[in-house]
Amino acid sequence: MLLLLFAGTLTGFAQATADDEYSAEVKKYIAASKVEETMAQQMDAQFTMLKAQAPITDAQIEEMKKAAVESYREFVVPKYIEVCKKHLTLDDLKAINAFYASPAGKKLSGSLIPIATDLTPTLAEWQPKLQEIIMKIMQGI
């Protein structure tokens, strides 16, 4: 009986260790692919609009940014890990992270936010065109 209990404990420990390793690899991927930085950039844009509409201080904006990042880490990251488990193995993540650690991966990682920033005006210009397309289709229904 003691042997079964010990074996069960080891199995649980091995699963917890595997989960920890998987979570660590997802967090590496999130950092390397600039997911959190992109979210922070989007939040900056929202806070800039909010500041234009409401009497808030820079200190309040900084507090909001900090709270948003903490909330993201507590709420979104665990869900991100669970979603990744549906689509990527631990070996997949290790290979992806190895790419991001390579010179080409580092260049891509460093370019993601500037590329998104450079595309922002194009996306804003495209939005009305997309709305026209949707409206035409809806009128034909």
C-alpha atoms as a PDB file:
ATOM      1  CA  MET A   1       0.000   0.000   0.000  1.00  0.00           C
ATOM      2  CA  LEU A   2       2.841   2.359   0.894  1.00  0.00           C
ATOM      3  CA  LEU A   3       4.510   1.569  -2.427  1.00  0.00           C
ATOM      4  CA  LEU A   4       1.320   2.509  -4.345  1.00  0.00           C
ATOM      5  CA  LEU A   5       1.061   5.767  -2.425  1.00  0.00           C
ATOM      6  CA  PHE A   6       4.708   6.559  -3.193  1.00  0.00           C
ATOM      7  CA  ALA A   7       4.220   5.725  -6.908  1.00  0.00           C
ATOM      8  CA  GLY A   8       1.147   7.976  -7.034  1.00  0.00           C
ATOM      9  CA  THR A   9       3.068  10.812  -5.412  1.00  0.00           C
ATOM     10  CA  LEU A  10       5.894  10.452  -7.925  1.00  0.00           C
ATOM     11  CA  THR A  11       3.421  10.459 -10.823  1.00  0.00           C
ATOM     12  CA  GLY A  12       1.799  13.627  -9.480  1.00  0.00           C
ATOM     13  CA  PHE A  13       5.203  15.248  -9.000  1.00  0.00           C
ATOM     14  CA  ALA A  14       6.280  14.299 -12.542  1.00  0.00           C
ATOM     15  CA  GLN A  15       3.070  15.805 -13.965  1.00  0.00           C
ATOM     16  CA  ALA A  16       3.543  18.999 -11.948  1.00  0.00           C
ATOM     17  CA  THR A  17       7.150  19.245 -13.167  1.00  0.00           C
ATOM     18  CA  ALA A  18       6.051  18.708 -16.787  1.00  0.00           C
ATOM     19  CA  ASP A  19       3.331  21.358 -16.380  1.00  0.00           C
ATOM     20  CA  ASP A  20       5.880  23.780 -14.892  1.00  0.00           C
ATOM     21  CA  GLU A  21       8.261  23.141 -17.790  1.00  0.00           C
ATOM     22  CA  TYR A  22       5.464  23.628 -20.334  1.00  0.00           C
ATOM     23  CA  SER A  23       4.342  26.849 -18.644  1.00  0.00           C
ATOM     24  CA  ALA A  24       7.917  28.136 -18.611  1.00  0.00           C
ATOM     25  CA  GLU A  25       8.274  27.453 -22.349  1.00  0.00           C
ATOM     26  CA  VAL A  26       4.981  29.242 -23.111  1.00  0.00           C
ATOM     27  CA  LYS A  27       6.120  32.219 -21.036  1.00  0.00           C
ATOM     28  CA  LYS A  28       9.415  32.262 -22.970  1.00  0.00           C
ATOM     29  CA  TYR A  29       7.422  32.243 -26.207  1.00  0.00           C
ATOM     30  CA  ILE A  30       5.181  35.076 -24.976  1.00  0.00           C
ATOM     31  CA  ALA A  31       8.256  37.149 -24.159  1.00  0.00           C
ATOM     32  CA  ALA A  32      10.116  36.332 -27.378  1.00  0.00           C
ATOM     33  CA  SER A  33       7.112  36.975 -29.622  1.00  0.00           C
ATOM     34  CA  LYS A  34       6.391  40.298 -27.890  1.00  0.00           C
ATOM     35  CA  VAL A  35       2.798  39.327 -27.046  1.00  0.00           C
ATOM     36  CA  GLU A  36       2.848  41.216 -23.756  1.00  0.00           C
ATOM     37  CA  GLU A  37       4.602  44.247 -25.248  1.00  0.00           C
ATOM     38  CA  THR A  38       2.034  44.379 -28.042  1.00  0.00           C
ATOM     39  CA  MET A  39      -0.764  44.271 -25.472  1.00  0.00           C
ATOM     40  CA  ALA A  40       0.941  47.065 -23.523  1.00  0.00           C
ATOM     41  CA  GLN A  41       1.227  49.141 -26.691  1.00  0.00           C
ATOM     42  CA  GLN A  42      -2.481  48.696 -27.369  1.00  0.00           C
ATOM     43  CA  MET A  43      -3.223  49.683 -23.783  1.00  0.00           C
ATOM     44  CA  ASP A  44      -1.065  52.822 -24.240  1.00  0.00           C
ATOM     45  CA  ALA A  45      -3.245  53.841 -27.185  1.00  0.00           C
ATOM     46  CA  GLN A  46      -6.397  53.283 -25.135  1.00  0.00           C
ATOM     47  CA  PHE A  47      -5.008  55.239 -22.184  1.00  0.00           C
ATOM     48  CA  THR A  48      -4.019  58.099 -24.499  1.00  0.00           C
ATOM     49  CA  MET A  49      -7.606  58.272 -25.780  1.00  0.00           C
ATOM     50  CA  LEU A  50      -8.926  58.035 -22.221  1.00  0.00           C
ATOM     51  CA  LYS A  51      -6.675  60.900 -21.099  1.00  0.00           C
ATOM     52  CA  ALA A  52      -8.061  63.050 -23.905  1.00  0.00           C
ATOM     53  CA  GLN A  53     -11.599  62.348 -22.689  1.00  0.00           C
ATOM     54  CA  ALA A  54     -11.217  62.379 -18.905  1.00  0.00           C
ATOM     55  CA  PRO A  55      -9.298  64.407 -16.332  1.00  0.00           C
ATOM     56  CA  ILE A  56      -6.694  61.845 -15.298  1.00  0.00           C
ATOM     57  CA  THR A  57      -3.079  62.312 -14.337  1.00  0.00           C
ATOM     58  CA  ASP A  58       0.025  60.650 -15.750  1.00  0.00           C
ATOM     59  CA  ALA A  59       0.452  58.902 -12.386  1.00  0.00           C
ATOM     60  CA  GLN A  60      -3.043  57.426 -12.721  1.00  0.00           C
ATOM     61  CA  ILE A  61      -2.238  56.256 -16.236  1.00  0.00           C
ATOM     62  CA  GLU A  62       0.949  54.577 -14.994  1.00  0.00           C
ATOM     63  CA  GLU A  63      -1.054  52.887 -12.235  1.00  0.00           C
ATOM     64  CA  MET A  64      -3.598  51.692 -14.825  1.00  0.00           C
ATOM     65  CA  LYS A  65      -0.823  50.338 -17.055  1.00  0.00           C
ATOM     66  CA  LYS A  66       0.733  48.437 -14.155  1.00  0.00           C
ATOM     67  CA  ALA A  67      -2.648  47.030 -13.123  1.00  0.00           C
ATOM     68  CA  ALA A  68      -3.413  46.031 -16.723  1.00  0.00           C
ATOM     69  CA  VAL A  69      -0.134  44.113 -17.059  1.00  0.00           C
ATOM     70  CA  GLU A  70      -0.659  42.369 -13.708  1.00  0.00           C
ATOM     71  CA  SER A  71      -4.215  41.460 -14.674  1.00  0.00           C
ATOM     72  CA  TYR A  72      -3.006  40.166 -18.052  1.00  0.00           C
ATOM     73  CA  ARG A  73      -0.415  37.947 -16.364  1.00  0.00           C
ATOM     74  CA  GLU A  74      -2.920  36.616 -13.830  1.00  0.00           C
ATOM     75  CA  PHE A  75      -5.867  36.084 -16.172  1.00  0.00           C
ATOM     76  CA  VAL A  76      -4.704  35.759 -19.778  1.00  0.00           C
ATOM     77  CA  VAL A  77      -1.361  33.947 -19.435  1.00  0.00           C
ATOM     78  CA  PRO A  78      -2.818  30.853 -17.713  1.00  0.00           C
ATOM     79  CA  LYS A  79      -5.507  30.663 -20.408  1.00  0.00           C
ATOM     80  CA  TYR A  80      -2.817  31.179 -23.070  1.00  0.00           C
ATOM     81  CA  ILE A  81      -0.950  28.194 -21.639  1.00  0.00           C
ATOM     82  CA  GLU A  82      -4.080  26.034 -21.753  1.00  0.00           C
ATOM     83  CA  VAL A  83      -4.801  27.021 -25.359  1.00  0.00           C
ATOM     84  CA  CYS A  84      -1.208  26.296 -26.366  1.00  0.00           C
ATOM     85  CA  LYS A  85      -1.543  22.810 -24.847  1.00  0.00           C
ATOM     86  CA  LYS A  86      -4.292  22.112 -27.390  1.00  0.00           C
ATOM     87  CA  HIS A  87      -2.082  23.018 -30.338  1.00  0.00           C
ATOM     88  CA  LEU A  88       1.605  22.735 -29.396  1.00  0.00           C
ATOM     89  CA  THR A  89       3.682  20.068 -27.717  1.00  0.00           C
ATOM     90  CA  LEU A  90       6.509  20.850 -25.330  1.00  0.00           C
ATOM     91  CA  ASP A  91       8.939  19.912 -28.105  1.00  0.00           C
ATOM     92  CA  ASP A  92       7.152  22.329 -30.484  1.00  0.00           C
ATOM     93  CA  LEU A  93       7.561  25.144 -27.972  1.00  0.00           C
ATOM     94  CA  LYS A  94      11.212  24.323 -27.400  1.00  0.00           C
ATOM     95  CA  ALA A  95      11.819  24.456 -31.164  1.00  0.00           C
ATOM     96  CA  ILE A  96       9.912  27.746 -31.480  1.00  0.00           C
ATOM     97  CA  ASN A  97      11.889  29.236 -28.605  1.00  0.00           C
ATOM     98  CA  ALA A  98      15.136  27.971 -30.138  1.00  0.00           C
ATOM     99  CA  PHE A  99      14.185  29.842 -33.312  1.00  0.00           C
ATOM    100  CA  TYR A 100      13.489  33.023 -31.332  1.00  0.00           C
ATOM    101  CA  ALA A 101      16.919  32.621 -29.691  1.00  0.00           C
ATOM    102  CA  SER A 102      18.607  32.422 -33.129  1.00  0.00           C
ATOM    103  CA  PRO A 103      19.853  35.558 -34.936  1.00  0.00           C
ATOM    104  CA  ALA A 104      16.884  35.473 -37.352  1.00  0.00           C
ATOM    105  CA  GLY A 105      14.448  34.915 -34.483  1.00  0.00           C
ATOM    106  CA  LYS A 106      15.936  37.792 -32.510  1.00  0.00           C
ATOM    107  CA  LYS A 107      15.646  40.028 -35.562  1.00  0.00           C
ATOM    108  CA  LEU A 108      12.020  39.004 -36.059  1.00  0.00           C
ATOM    109  CA  SER A 109      11.262  39.507 -32.372  1.00  0.00           C
ATOM    110  CA  GLY A 110      12.827  42.960 -32.420  1.00  0.00           C
ATOM    111  CA  SER A 111      10.879  43.867 -35.553  1.00  0.00           C
ATOM    112  CA  LEU A 112       7.393  42.740 -34.509  1.00  0.00           C
ATOM    113  CA  ILE A 113       6.348  45.915 -32.711  1.00  0.00           C
ATOM    114  CA  PRO A 114       7.879  48.329 -35.265  1.00  0.00           C
ATOM    115  CA  ILE A 115       6.159  46.379 -38.066  1.00  0.00           C
ATOM    116  CA  ALA A 116       2.835  46.556 -36.216  1.00  0.00           C
ATOM    117  CA  THR A 117       3.376  50.263 -35.578  1.00  0.00           C
ATOM    118  CA  ASP A 118       4.166  50.909 -39.239  1.00  0.00           C
ATOM    119  CA  LEU A 119       1.038  48.983 -40.287  1.00  0.00           C
ATOM    120  CA  THR A 120      -1.306  50.835 -37.930  1.00  0.00           C
ATOM    121  CA  PRO A 121      -2.107  53.672 -40.386  1.00  0.00           C
ATOM    122  CA  THR A 122      -2.760  51.123 -43.148  1.00  0.00           C
ATOM    123  CA  LEU A 123      -5.128  49.184 -40.924  1.00  0.00           C
ATOM    124  CA  ALA A 124      -6.928  52.382 -39.957  1.00  0.00           C
ATOM    125  CA  GLU A 125      -7.246  53.276 -43.660  1.00  0.00           C
ATOM    126  CA  TRP A 126      -8.476  49.755 -44.497  1.00  0.00           C
ATOM    127  CA  GLN A 127     -11.170  49.677 -41.777  1.00  0.00           C
ATOM    128  CA  PRO A 128     -13.717  51.808 -43.715  1.00  0.00           C
ATOM    129  CA  LYS A 129     -13.093  49.696 -46.835  1.00  0.00           C
ATOM    130  CA  LEU A 130     -13.823  46.564 -44.845  1.00  0.00           C
ATOM    131  CA  GLN A 131     -17.007  48.136 -43.491  1.00  0.00           C
ATOM    132  CA  GLU A 132     -18.100  48.919 -47.079  1.00  0.00           C
ATOM    133  CA  ILE A 133     -17.525  45.308 -48.108  1.00  0.00           C
ATOM    134  CA  ILE A 134     -19.517  44.023 -45.138  1.00  0.00           C
ATOM    135  CA  MET A 135     -22.360  46.473 -45.798  1.00  0.00           C
ATOM    136  CA  LYS A 136     -22.593  45.469 -49.475  1.00  0.00           C
ATOM    137  CA  ILE A 137     -22.774  41.808 -48.539  1.00  0.00           C
ATOM    138  CA  MET A 138     -25.375  42.482 -45.857  1.00  0.00           C
ATOM    139  CA  GLN A 139     -27.518  44.496 -48.290  1.00  0.00           C
ATOM    140  CA  GLY A 140     -27.451  41.600 -50.727  1.00  0.00           C
ATOM    141  CA  ILE A 141     -28.690  39.138 -48.098  1.00  0.00           C
END
